[in-house]
């Protein structure tokens, strides 16, 4: 995959994760106090992971990383893992209502 195409694909994946985080935050905002206490820390960690991934991707693009295929695999894996973790968080806290 060409660098520009890969970066566009990664940006779309990150945007999808952004939407999931927003949905998770809305669920947290509308939850009970007990739910908020138990879920807030978990969501904060997911947001931190998202920010770290976005920063790594930005640095790689900024420095015109030489090995895009290795980075592609790494970013893909990390982005998928983050999306899955957010989905698990939503499912876990959706069933607690």
PDB file of N, CA and C in Angstrom:
ATOM      1  N   UNK A   1       0.851  -1.171   0.000  1.00  0.00           N
ATOM      2  CA  UNK A   1       0.000   0.000   0.000  1.00  0.00           C
ATOM      3  C   UNK A   1       0.896   1.232   0.000  1.00  0.00           C
ATOM      4  N   UNK A   2       0.589   2.190  -0.810  1.00  0.00           N
ATOM      5  CA  UNK A   2       1.384   3.407  -0.866  1.00  0.00           C
ATOM      6  C   UNK A   2       1.221   4.204   0.413  1.00  0.00           C
ATOM      7  N   UNK A   3       2.261   4.998   0.725  1.00  0.00           N
ATOM      8  CA  UNK A   3       2.266   5.767   1.975  1.00  0.00           C
ATOM      9  C   UNK A   3       1.025   6.630   2.103  1.00  0.00           C
ATOM     10  N   UNK A   4       0.670   7.412   1.097  1.00  0.00           N
ATOM     11  CA  UNK A   4      -0.468   8.326   1.170  1.00  0.00           C
ATOM     12  C   UNK A   4      -1.764   7.547   1.359  1.00  0.00           C
ATOM     13  N   UNK A   5      -1.927   6.467   0.637  1.00  0.00           N
ATOM     14  CA  UNK A   5      -3.120   5.648   0.760  1.00  0.00           C
ATOM     15  C   UNK A   5      -3.202   5.038   2.152  1.00  0.00           C
ATOM     16  N   UNK A   6      -2.073   4.567   2.656  1.00  0.00           N
ATOM     17  CA  UNK A   6      -2.055   3.986   3.984  1.00  0.00           C
ATOM     18  C   UNK A   6      -2.430   5.024   5.032  1.00  0.00           C
ATOM     19  N   UNK A   7      -1.869   6.224   4.928  1.00  0.00           N
ATOM     20  CA  UNK A   7      -2.179   7.277   5.896  1.00  0.00           C
ATOM     21  C   UNK A   7      -3.660   7.641   5.857  1.00  0.00           C
ATOM     22  N   UNK A   8      -4.246   7.652   4.682  1.00  0.00           N
ATOM     23  CA  UNK A   8      -5.678   7.937   4.571  1.00  0.00           C
ATOM     24  C   UNK A   8      -6.486   6.824   5.229  1.00  0.00           C
ATOM     25  N   UNK A   9      -6.081   5.583   5.015  1.00  0.00           N
ATOM     26  CA  UNK A   9      -6.760   4.439   5.625  1.00  0.00           C
ATOM     27  C   UNK A   9      -6.643   4.500   7.146  1.00  0.00           C
ATOM     28  N   UNK A  10      -5.455   4.808   7.635  1.00  0.00           N
ATOM     29  CA  UNK A  10      -5.255   4.911   9.071  1.00  0.00           C
ATOM     30  C   UNK A  10      -6.105   6.038   9.652  1.00  0.00           C
ATOM     31  N   UNK A  11      -6.185   7.154   8.954  1.00  0.00           N
ATOM     32  CA  UNK A  11      -7.006   8.278   9.427  1.00  0.00           C
ATOM     33  C   UNK A  11      -8.474   7.868   9.528  1.00  0.00           C
ATOM     34  N   UNK A  12      -8.964   7.091   8.575  1.00  0.00           N
ATOM     35  CA  UNK A  12     -10.350   6.609   8.629  1.00  0.00           C
ATOM     36  C   UNK A  12     -10.561   5.685   9.819  1.00  0.00           C
ATOM     37  N   UNK A  13      -9.600   4.799  10.067  1.00  0.00           N
ATOM     38  CA  UNK A  13      -9.709   3.893  11.210  1.00  0.00           C
ATOM     39  C   UNK A  13      -9.705   4.682  12.515  1.00  0.00           C
ATOM     40  N   UNK A  14      -8.839   5.665  12.605  1.00  0.00           N
ATOM     41  CA  UNK A  14      -8.761   6.471  13.817  1.00  0.00           C
ATOM     42  C   UNK A  14     -10.050   7.272  14.005  1.00  0.00           C
ATOM     43  N   UNK A  15     -10.647   7.734  12.920  1.00  0.00           N
ATOM     44  CA  UNK A  15     -11.921   8.449  13.015  1.00  0.00           C
ATOM     45  C   UNK A  15     -13.015   7.522  13.537  1.00  0.00           C
ATOM     46  N   UNK A  16     -12.987   6.273  13.103  1.00  0.00           N
ATOM     47  CA  UNK A  16     -13.949   5.290  13.592  1.00  0.00           C
ATOM     48  C   UNK A  16     -13.771   5.070  15.094  1.00  0.00           C
ATOM     49  N   UNK A  17     -12.531   4.996  15.535  1.00  0.00           N
ATOM     50  CA  UNK A  17     -12.255   4.844  16.960  1.00  0.00           C
ATOM     51  C   UNK A  17     -12.730   6.090  17.717  1.00  0.00           C
ATOM     52  N   UNK A  18     -12.527   7.274  17.123  1.00  0.00           N
ATOM     53  CA  UNK A  18     -13.019   8.522  17.740  1.00  0.00           C
ATOM     54  C   UNK A  18     -14.522   8.443  17.988  1.00  0.00           C
ATOM     55  N   UNK A  19     -15.261   7.945  17.008  1.00  0.00           N
ATOM     56  CA  UNK A  19     -16.715   7.826  17.156  1.00  0.00           C
ATOM     57  C   UNK A  19     -17.081   6.853  18.278  1.00  0.00           C
ATOM     58  N   UNK A  20     -16.346   5.760  18.371  1.00  0.00           N
ATOM     59  CA  UNK A  20     -16.613   4.786  19.431  1.00  0.00           C
ATOM     60  C   UNK A  20     -16.328   5.391  20.799  1.00  0.00           C
ATOM     61  N   UNK A  21     -15.253   6.162  20.899  1.00  0.00           N
ATOM     62  CA  UNK A  21     -14.932   6.807  22.166  1.00  0.00           C
ATOM     63  C   UNK A  21     -16.014   7.814  22.529  1.00  0.00           C
ATOM     64  N   UNK A  22     -16.500   8.558  21.551  1.00  0.00           N
ATOM     65  CA  UNK A  22     -17.577   9.520  21.816  1.00  0.00           C
ATOM     66  C   UNK A  22     -18.834   8.808  22.314  1.00  0.00           C
ATOM     67  N   UNK A  23     -19.165   7.673  21.702  1.00  0.00           N
ATOM     68  CA  UNK A  23     -20.333   6.896  22.141  1.00  0.00           C
ATOM     69  C   UNK A  23     -20.124   6.375  23.553  1.00  0.00           C
ATOM     70  N   UNK A  24     -18.907   5.920  23.842  1.00  0.00           N
ATOM     71  CA  UNK A  24     -18.604   5.433  25.179  1.00  0.00           C
ATOM     72  C   UNK A  24     -18.708   6.566  26.201  1.00  0.00           C
ATOM     73  N   UNK A  25     -18.198   7.732  25.841  1.00  0.00           N
ATOM     74  CA  UNK A  25     -18.269   8.871  26.751  1.00  0.00           C
ATOM     75  C   UNK A  25     -19.722   9.280  27.002  1.00  0.00           C
ATOM     76  N   UNK A  26     -20.547   9.236  25.972  1.00  0.00           N
ATOM     77  CA  UNK A  26     -21.958   9.577  26.134  1.00  0.00           C
ATOM     78  C   UNK A  26     -22.641   8.583  27.077  1.00  0.00           C
ATOM     79  N   UNK A  27     -22.335   7.301  26.906  1.00  0.00           N
ATOM     80  CA  UNK A  27     -22.906   6.277  27.785  1.00  0.00           C
ATOM     81  C   UNK A  27     -22.473   6.558  29.217  1.00  0.00           C
ATOM     82  N   UNK A  28     -21.205   6.901  29.397  1.00  0.00           N
ATOM     83  CA  UNK A  28     -20.703   7.192  30.731  1.00  0.00           C
ATOM     84  C   UNK A  28     -21.396   8.427  31.304  1.00  0.00           C
ATOM     85  N   UNK A  29     -21.533   9.466  30.511  1.00  0.00           N
ATOM     86  CA  UNK A  29     -22.173  10.700  30.974  1.00  0.00           C
ATOM     87  C   UNK A  29     -23.617  10.483  31.400  1.00  0.00           C
ATOM     88  N   UNK A  30     -24.290   9.540  30.759  1.00  0.00           N
ATOM     89  CA  UNK A  30     -25.701   9.277  31.052  1.00  0.00           C
ATOM     90  C   UNK A  30     -25.913   8.168  32.072  1.00  0.00           C
ATOM     91  N   UNK A  31     -24.827   7.615  32.585  1.00  0.00           N
ATOM     92  CA  UNK A  31     -24.942   6.502  33.521  1.00  0.00           C
ATOM     93  C   UNK A  31     -25.192   6.950  34.945  1.00  0.00           C
ATOM     94  N   UNK A  32     -25.406   5.960  35.785  1.00  0.00           N
ATOM     95  CA  UNK A  32     -25.592   6.231  37.205  1.00  0.00           C
ATOM     96  C   UNK A  32     -24.239   6.558  37.835  1.00  0.00           C
ATOM     97  N   UNK A  33     -24.264   7.066  39.059  1.00  0.00           N
ATOM     98  CA  UNK A  33     -23.017   7.416  39.743  1.00  0.00           C
ATOM     99  C   UNK A  33     -22.130   6.193  39.917  1.00  0.00           C
ATOM    100  N   UNK A  34     -22.714   5.065  40.259  1.00  0.00           N
ATOM    101  CA  UNK A  34     -21.942   3.832  40.427  1.00  0.00           C
ATOM    102  C   UNK A  34     -21.273   3.426  39.122  1.00  0.00           C
ATOM    103  N   UNK A  35     -22.025   3.502  38.038  1.00  0.00           N
ATOM    104  CA  UNK A  35     -21.468   3.175  36.721  1.00  0.00           C
ATOM    105  C   UNK A  35     -20.342   4.131  36.363  1.00  0.00           C
ATOM    106  N   UNK A  36     -20.548   5.393  36.663  1.00  0.00           N
ATOM    107  CA  UNK A  36     -19.536   6.392  36.330  1.00  0.00           C
ATOM    108  C   UNK A  36     -18.225   6.114  37.051  1.00  0.00           C
ATOM    109  N   UNK A  37     -18.313   5.760  38.300  1.00  0.00           N
ATOM    110  CA  UNK A  37     -17.109   5.497  39.074  1.00  0.00           C
ATOM    111  C   UNK A  37     -16.356   4.286  38.526  1.00  0.00           C
ATOM    112  N   UNK A  38     -17.084   3.216  38.250  1.00  0.00           N
ATOM    113  CA  UNK A  38     -16.418   1.994  37.783  1.00  0.00           C
ATOM    114  C   UNK A  38     -15.924   2.093  36.345  1.00  0.00           C
ATOM    115  N   UNK A  39     -16.603   2.874  35.526  1.00  0.00           N
ATOM    116  CA  UNK A  39     -16.271   2.922  34.109  1.00  0.00           C
ATOM    117  C   UNK A  39     -15.330   4.058  33.723  1.00  0.00           C
ATOM    118  N   UNK A  40     -15.298   5.116  34.487  1.00  0.00           N
ATOM    119  CA  UNK A  40     -14.524   6.300  34.111  1.00  0.00           C
ATOM    120  C   UNK A  40     -13.036   6.007  33.978  1.00  0.00           C
ATOM    121  N   UNK A  41     -12.484   5.258  34.909  1.00  0.00           N
ATOM    122  CA  UNK A  41     -11.057   4.941  34.842  1.00  0.00           C
ATOM    123  C   UNK A  41     -10.707   4.113  33.617  1.00  0.00           C
ATOM    124  N   UNK A  42     -11.555   3.139  33.318  1.00  0.00           N
ATOM    125  CA  UNK A  42     -11.325   2.294  32.141  1.00  0.00           C
ATOM    126  C   UNK A  42     -11.367   3.121  30.860  1.00  0.00           C
ATOM    127  N   UNK A  43     -12.358   3.999  30.758  1.00  0.00           N
ATOM    128  CA  UNK A  43     -12.488   4.823  29.555  1.00  0.00           C
ATOM    129  C   UNK A  43     -11.311   5.787  29.440  1.00  0.00           C
ATOM    130  N   UNK A  44     -10.842   6.299  30.547  1.00  0.00           N
ATOM    131  CA  UNK A  44      -9.693   7.195  30.530  1.00  0.00           C
ATOM    132  C   UNK A  44      -8.457   6.495  29.970  1.00  0.00           C
ATOM    133  N   UNK A  45      -8.243   5.240  30.353  1.00  0.00           N
ATOM    134  CA  UNK A  45      -7.121   4.471  29.813  1.00  0.00           C
ATOM    135  C   UNK A  45      -7.261   4.256  28.310  1.00  0.00           C
ATOM    136  N   UNK A  46      -8.475   3.972  27.845  1.00  0.00           N
ATOM    137  CA  UNK A  46      -8.698   3.784  26.409  1.00  0.00           C
ATOM    138  C   UNK A  46      -8.428   5.076  25.646  1.00  0.00           C
ATOM    139  N   UNK A  47      -8.838   6.198  26.202  1.00  0.00           N
ATOM    140  CA  UNK A  47      -8.576   7.488  25.555  1.00  0.00           C
ATOM    141  C   UNK A  47      -7.078   7.763  25.480  1.00  0.00           C
ATOM    142  N   UNK A  48      -6.360   7.412  26.538  1.00  0.00           N
ATOM    143  CA  UNK A  48      -4.908   7.603  26.549  1.00  0.00           C
ATOM    144  C   UNK A  48      -4.250   6.747  25.473  1.00  0.00           C
ATOM    145  N   UNK A  49      -4.674   5.491  25.343  1.00  0.00           N
ATOM    146  CA  UNK A  49      -4.129   4.612  24.305  1.00  0.00           C
ATOM    147  C   UNK A  49      -4.414   5.186  22.917  1.00  0.00           C
ATOM    148  N   UNK A  50      -5.610   5.723  22.739  1.00  0.00           N
ATOM    149  CA  UNK A  50      -5.979   6.321  21.460  1.00  0.00           C
ATOM    150  C   UNK A  50      -5.064   7.509  21.152  1.00  0.00           C
ATOM    151  N   UNK A  51      -4.846   8.359  22.132  1.00  0.00           N
ATOM    152  CA  UNK A  51      -3.995   9.528  21.935  1.00  0.00           C
ATOM    153  C   UNK A  51      -2.561   9.118  21.597  1.00  0.00           C
ATOM    154  N   UNK A  52      -2.050   8.115  22.299  1.00  0.00           N
ATOM    155  CA  UNK A  52      -0.695   7.630  22.028  1.00  0.00           C
ATOM    156  C   UNK A  52      -0.575   7.086  20.614  1.00  0.00           C
ATOM    157  N   UNK A  53      -1.569   6.342  20.172  1.00  0.00           N
ATOM    158  CA  UNK A  53      -1.564   5.789  18.819  1.00  0.00           C
ATOM    159  C   UNK A  53      -1.609   6.914  17.780  1.00  0.00           C
ATOM    160  N   UNK A  54      -2.444   7.901  18.011  1.00  0.00           N
ATOM    161  CA  UNK A  54      -2.535   9.034  17.085  1.00  0.00           C
ATOM    162  C   UNK A  54      -1.213   9.795  17.017  1.00  0.00           C
ATOM    163  N   UNK A  55      -0.568   9.969  18.150  1.00  0.00           N
ATOM    164  CA  UNK A  55       0.723  10.664  18.175  1.00  0.00           C
ATOM    165  C   UNK A  55       1.799   9.870  17.445  1.00  0.00           C
ATOM    166  N   UNK A  56       1.832   8.552  17.658  1.00  0.00           N
ATOM    167  CA  UNK A  56       2.805   7.705  16.952  1.00  0.00           C
ATOM    168  C   UNK A  56       2.592   7.776  15.452  1.00  0.00           C
ATOM    169  N   UNK A  57       1.341   7.729  15.030  1.00  0.00           N
ATOM    170  CA  UNK A  57       1.042   7.795  13.593  1.00  0.00           C
ATOM    171  C   UNK A  57       1.469   9.147  13.032  1.00  0.00           C
ATOM    172  N   UNK A  58       1.203  10.199  13.767  1.00  0.00           N
ATOM    173  CA  UNK A  58       1.605  11.532  13.326  1.00  0.00           C
ATOM    174  C   UNK A  58       3.113  11.664  13.218  1.00  0.00           C
ATOM    175  N   UNK A  59       3.832  11.124  14.185  1.00  0.00           N
ATOM    176  CA  UNK A  59       5.294  11.180  14.144  1.00  0.00           C
ATOM    177  C   UNK A  59       5.846  10.375  12.969  1.00  0.00           C
ATOM    178  N   UNK A  60       5.266   9.211  12.724  1.00  0.00           N
ATOM    179  CA  UNK A  60       5.721   8.387  11.601  1.00  0.00           C
ATOM    180  C   UNK A  60       5.518   9.124  10.284  1.00  0.00           C
ATOM    181  N   UNK A  61       4.363   9.759  10.119  1.00  0.00           N
ATOM    182  CA  UNK A  61       4.089  10.496   8.888  1.00  0.00           C
ATOM    183  C   UNK A  61       5.005  11.707   8.773  1.00  0.00           C
ATOM    184  N   UNK A  62       5.221  12.383   9.874  1.00  0.00           N
ATOM    185  CA  UNK A  62       6.058  13.582   9.897  1.00  0.00           C
ATOM    186  C   UNK A  62       7.495  13.260   9.505  1.00  0.00           C
ATOM    187  N   UNK A  63       7.970  12.115   9.947  1.00  0.00           N
ATOM    188  CA  UNK A  63       9.359  11.740   9.689  1.00  0.00           C
ATOM    189  C   UNK A  63       9.507  10.824   8.480  1.00  0.00           C
ATOM    190  N   UNK A  64       8.446  10.694   7.698  1.00  0.00           N
ATOM    191  CA  UNK A  64       8.485   9.888   6.469  1.00  0.00           C
ATOM    192  C   UNK A  64       9.117   8.523   6.733  1.00  0.00           C
ATOM    193  N   UNK A  65       8.502   7.787   7.628  1.00  0.00           N
ATOM    194  CA  UNK A  65       9.022   6.484   8.039  1.00  0.00           C
ATOM    195  C   UNK A  65       9.390   5.636   6.821  1.00  0.00           C
ATOM    196  N   UNK A  66      10.533   4.986   6.931  1.00  0.00           N
ATOM    197  CA  UNK A  66      11.058   4.188   5.815  1.00  0.00           C
ATOM    198  C   UNK A  66      10.338   2.861   5.648  1.00  0.00           C
ATOM    199  N   UNK A  67       9.986   2.230   6.737  1.00  0.00           N
ATOM    200  CA  UNK A  67       9.419   0.885   6.654  1.00  0.00           C
ATOM    201  C   UNK A  67       7.918   0.922   6.904  1.00  0.00           C
ATOM    202  N   UNK A  68       7.175   1.396   5.894  1.00  0.00           N
ATOM    203  CA  UNK A  68       5.728   1.550   6.051  1.00  0.00           C
ATOM    204  C   UNK A  68       5.018   0.221   6.213  1.00  0.00           C
ATOM    205  N   UNK A  69       5.530  -0.857   5.619  1.00  0.00           N
ATOM    206  CA  UNK A  69       4.834  -2.133   5.752  1.00  0.00           C
ATOM    207  C   UNK A  69       4.872  -2.618   7.198  1.00  0.00           C
ATOM    208  N   UNK A  70       6.009  -2.460   7.876  1.00  0.00           N
ATOM    209  CA  UNK A  70       6.098  -2.848   9.283  1.00  0.00           C
ATOM    210  C   UNK A  70       5.217  -1.938  10.124  1.00  0.00           C
ATOM    211  N   UNK A  71       5.269  -0.623   9.861  1.00  0.00           N
ATOM    212  CA  UNK A  71       4.439   0.315  10.613  1.00  0.00           C
ATOM    213  C   UNK A  71       2.965   0.057  10.361  1.00  0.00           C
ATOM    214  N   UNK A  72       2.634  -0.259   9.102  1.00  0.00           N
ATOM    215  CA  UNK A  72       1.242  -0.543   8.771  1.00  0.00           C
ATOM    216  C   UNK A  72       0.716  -1.685   9.631  1.00  0.00           C
ATOM    217  N   UNK A  73       1.474  -2.752   9.709  1.00  0.00           N
ATOM    218  CA  UNK A  73       1.055  -3.908  10.505  1.00  0.00           C
ATOM    219  C   UNK A  73       0.913  -3.534  11.975  1.00  0.00           C
ATOM    220  N   UNK A  74       1.874  -2.774  12.484  1.00  0.00           N
ATOM    221  CA  UNK A  74       1.853  -2.376  13.884  1.00  0.00           C
ATOM    222  C   UNK A  74       0.670  -1.459  14.186  1.00  0.00           C
ATOM    223  N   UNK A  75       0.467  -0.441  13.361  1.00  0.00           N
ATOM    224  CA  UNK A  75      -0.642   0.477  13.577  1.00  0.00           C
ATOM    225  C   UNK A  75      -1.983  -0.223  13.404  1.00  0.00           C
ATOM    226  N   UNK A  76      -2.081  -1.096  12.419  1.00  0.00           N
ATOM    227  CA  UNK A  76      -3.314  -1.844  12.184  1.00  0.00           C
ATOM    228  C   UNK A  76      -3.661  -2.688  13.406  1.00  0.00           C
ATOM    229  N   UNK A  77      -2.668  -3.395  13.917  1.00  0.00           N
ATOM    230  CA  UNK A  77      -2.869  -4.240  15.093  1.00  0.00           C
ATOM    231  C   UNK A  77      -3.304  -3.399  16.291  1.00  0.00           C
ATOM    232  N   UNK A  78      -2.604  -2.297  16.519  1.00  0.00           N
ATOM    233  CA  UNK A  78      -2.915  -1.448  17.671  1.00  0.00           C
ATOM    234  C   UNK A  78      -4.277  -0.773  17.537  1.00  0.00           C
ATOM    235  N   UNK A  79      -4.612  -0.330  16.354  1.00  0.00           N
ATOM    236  CA  UNK A  79      -5.900   0.316  16.116  1.00  0.00           C
ATOM    237  C   UNK A  79      -7.040  -0.694  16.291  1.00  0.00           C
ATOM    238  N   UNK A  80      -6.858  -1.890  15.759  1.00  0.00           N
ATOM    239  CA  UNK A  80      -7.864  -2.942  15.922  1.00  0.00           C
ATOM    240  C   UNK A  80      -8.034  -3.317  17.393  1.00  0.00           C
ATOM    241  N   UNK A  81      -6.922  -3.428  18.112  1.00  0.00           N
ATOM    242  CA  UNK A  81      -6.992  -3.777  19.532  1.00  0.00           C
ATOM    243  C   UNK A  81      -7.718  -2.697  20.321  1.00  0.00           C
ATOM    244  N   UNK A  82      -7.452  -1.444  19.990  1.00  0.00           N
ATOM    245  CA  UNK A  82      -8.124  -0.344  20.678  1.00  0.00           C
ATOM    246  C   UNK A  82      -9.620  -0.346  20.375  1.00  0.00           C
ATOM    247  N   UNK A  83      -9.985  -0.532  19.117  1.00  0.00           N
ATOM    248  CA  UNK A  83     -11.403  -0.584  18.746  1.00  0.00           C
ATOM    249  C   UNK A  83     -12.106  -1.740  19.462  1.00  0.00           C
ATOM    250  N   UNK A  84     -11.440  -2.893  19.537  1.00  0.00           N
ATOM    251  CA  UNK A  84     -12.015  -4.048  20.243  1.00  0.00           C
ATOM    252  C   UNK A  84     -12.176  -3.755  21.741  1.00  0.00           C
ATOM    253  N   UNK A  85     -11.189  -3.106  22.333  1.00  0.00           N
ATOM    254  CA  UNK A  85     -11.264  -2.774  23.755  1.00  0.00           C
ATOM    255  C   UNK A  85     -12.420  -1.818  24.030  1.00  0.00           C
ATOM    256  N   UNK A  86     -12.618  -0.864  23.144  1.00  0.00           N
ATOM    257  CA  UNK A  86     -13.729   0.077  23.316  1.00  0.00           C
ATOM    258  C   UNK A  86     -15.063  -0.655  23.164  1.00  0.00           C
ATOM    259  N   UNK A  87     -15.149  -1.542  22.182  1.00  0.00           N
ATOM    260  CA  UNK A  87     -16.370  -2.341  22.007  1.00  0.00           C
ATOM    261  C   UNK A  87     -16.667  -3.173  23.262  1.00  0.00           C
ATOM    262  N   UNK A  88     -15.620  -3.778  23.842  1.00  0.00           N
ATOM    263  CA  UNK A  88     -15.813  -4.558  25.073  1.00  0.00           C
ATOM    264  C   UNK A  88     -16.272  -3.655  26.217  1.00  0.00           C
ATOM    265  N   UNK A  89     -15.704  -2.450  26.295  1.00  0.00           N
ATOM    266  CA  UNK A  89     -16.100  -1.498  27.341  1.00  0.00           C
ATOM    267  C   UNK A  89     -17.580  -1.146  27.188  1.00  0.00           C
ATOM    268  N   UNK A  90     -17.993  -0.850  25.954  1.00  0.00           N
ATOM    269  CA  UNK A  90     -19.396  -0.495  25.705  1.00  0.00           C
ATOM    270  C   UNK A  90     -20.311  -1.665  26.064  1.00  0.00           C
ATOM    271  N   UNK A  91     -19.944  -2.863  25.640  1.00  0.00           N
ATOM    272  CA  UNK A  91     -20.755  -4.040  25.936  1.00  0.00           C
ATOM    273  C   UNK A  91     -20.824  -4.296  27.443  1.00  0.00           C
ATOM    274  N   UNK A  92     -19.715  -4.201  28.109  1.00  0.00           N
ATOM    275  CA  UNK A  92     -19.660  -4.421  29.560  1.00  0.00           C
ATOM    276  C   UNK A  92     -20.550  -3.438  30.295  1.00  0.00           C
ATOM    277  N   UNK A  93     -20.480  -2.193  29.916  1.00  0.00           N
ATOM    278  CA  UNK A  93     -21.220  -1.171  30.644  1.00  0.00           C
ATOM    279  C   UNK A  93     -22.657  -1.013  30.132  1.00  0.00           C
ATOM    280  N   UNK A  94     -22.951  -1.564  28.967  1.00  0.00           N
ATOM    281  CA  UNK A  94     -24.315  -1.565  28.481  1.00  0.00           C
ATOM    282  C   UNK A  94     -25.141  -2.588  29.256  1.00  0.00           C
ATOM    283  N   UNK A  95     -24.492  -3.675  29.644  1.00  0.00           N
ATOM    284  CA  UNK A  95     -25.212  -4.726  30.367  1.00  0.00           C
ATOM    285  C   UNK A  95     -25.348  -4.408  31.840  1.00  0.00           C
ATOM    286  N   UNK A  96     -24.619  -3.401  32.321  1.00  0.00           N
ATOM    287  CA  UNK A  96     -24.692  -3.087  33.744  1.00  0.00           C
ATOM    288  C   UNK A  96     -25.859  -2.181  34.086  1.00  0.00           C
ATOM    289  N   UNK A  97     -26.618  -1.714  33.081  1.00  0.00           N
ATOM    290  CA  UNK A  97     -27.766  -0.834  33.340  1.00  0.00           C
ATOM    291  C   UNK A  97     -28.965  -1.631  33.733  1.00  0.00           C
TER     292      UNK A  97
END
